[in-house]
Amino acid sequence: MTAGARLPSEAALVEQHRVARGTARQALAALRDVTVSVQGKGRFVKPR
């Protein structure tokens, strides 16, 4: 993904990959250092 790309929501990850919500949360948490969360907009990839 490129800088500024929007990540799928937790709900979208659960539906698309058929995983538990907790698993989707853990995956997004693992990306916390390389993403930024914008309230009301979503989670985006940070620029380098």
C-alpha atoms as a PDB file:
ATOM      1  CA  MET A   1       0.000   0.000   0.000  1.00  0.00           C
ATOM      2  CA  THR A   2       1.138   3.524  -0.666  1.00  0.00           C
ATOM      3  CA  ALA A   3       1.295   6.396   1.802  1.00  0.00           C
ATOM      4  CA  GLY A   4      -2.146   7.849   2.381  1.00  0.00           C
ATOM      5  CA  ALA A   5      -3.963   4.678   1.348  1.00  0.00           C
ATOM      6  CA  ARG A   6      -7.019   3.925   3.465  1.00  0.00           C
ATOM      7  CA  LEU A   7      -7.092   0.583   5.267  1.00  0.00           C
ATOM      8  CA  PRO A   8     -10.305  -1.452   5.365  1.00  0.00           C
ATOM      9  CA  SER A   9     -12.410  -1.109   8.481  1.00  0.00           C
ATOM     10  CA  GLU A  10     -12.412  -3.777  11.160  1.00  0.00           C
ATOM     11  CA  ALA A  11     -15.869  -4.877  10.027  1.00  0.00           C
ATOM     12  CA  ALA A  12     -14.757  -5.071   6.401  1.00  0.00           C
ATOM     13  CA  LEU A  13     -11.764  -7.236   7.340  1.00  0.00           C
ATOM     14  CA  VAL A  14     -14.018  -9.594   9.309  1.00  0.00           C
ATOM     15  CA  GLU A  15     -16.426  -9.990   6.405  1.00  0.00           C
ATOM     16  CA  GLN A  16     -13.846 -10.152   3.609  1.00  0.00           C
ATOM     17  CA  HIS A  17     -11.456 -12.603   5.285  1.00  0.00           C
ATOM     18  CA  ARG A  18     -13.993 -14.423   7.461  1.00  0.00           C
ATOM     19  CA  VAL A  19     -11.974 -14.015  10.642  1.00  0.00           C
ATOM     20  CA  ALA A  20     -13.014 -13.233  14.192  1.00  0.00           C
ATOM     21  CA  ARG A  21     -13.326  -9.589  15.187  1.00  0.00           C
ATOM     22  CA  GLY A  22     -10.515 -10.049  17.700  1.00  0.00           C
ATOM     23  CA  THR A  23      -8.229 -11.286  14.945  1.00  0.00           C
ATOM     24  CA  ALA A  24      -9.012  -8.225  12.816  1.00  0.00           C
ATOM     25  CA  ARG A  25      -8.311  -5.972  15.810  1.00  0.00           C
ATOM     26  CA  GLN A  26      -4.968  -7.658  16.436  1.00  0.00           C
ATOM     27  CA  ALA A  27      -4.003  -7.231  12.777  1.00  0.00           C
ATOM     28  CA  LEU A  28      -4.826  -3.520  12.838  1.00  0.00           C
ATOM     29  CA  ALA A  29      -3.014  -3.118  16.179  1.00  0.00           C
ATOM     30  CA  ALA A  30       0.098  -4.708  14.664  1.00  0.00           C
ATOM     31  CA  LEU A  31       0.048  -1.970  12.015  1.00  0.00           C
ATOM     32  CA  ARG A  32      -0.243   0.858  14.547  1.00  0.00           C
ATOM     33  CA  ASP A  33       3.350   2.056  13.974  1.00  0.00           C
ATOM     34  CA  VAL A  34       2.870   2.461  10.221  1.00  0.00           C
ATOM     35  CA  THR A  35      -0.687   3.825  10.208  1.00  0.00           C
ATOM     36  CA  VAL A  36      -2.519   6.851  11.523  1.00  0.00           C
ATOM     37  CA  SER A  37      -6.132   6.937  12.656  1.00  0.00           C
ATOM     38  CA  VAL A  38      -8.280   9.934  11.712  1.00  0.00           C
ATOM     39  CA  GLN A  39     -11.477  10.192  13.724  1.00  0.00           C
ATOM     40  CA  GLY A  40     -14.516   9.817  11.505  1.00  0.00           C
ATOM     41  CA  LYS A  41     -12.394   9.080   8.424  1.00  0.00           C
ATOM     42  CA  GLY A  42     -10.584   5.792   9.053  1.00  0.00           C
ATOM     43  CA  ARG A  43      -7.054   4.424   9.294  1.00  0.00           C
ATOM     44  CA  PHE A  44      -4.428   5.443   6.739  1.00  0.00           C
ATOM     45  CA  VAL A  45      -0.860   4.428   5.874  1.00  0.00           C
ATOM     46  CA  LYS A  46       1.661   6.958   7.206  1.00  0.00           C
ATOM     47  CA  PRO A  47       4.153   8.565   4.854  1.00  0.00           C
ATOM     48  CA  ARG A  48       7.720   7.399   5.416  1.00  0.00           C
END
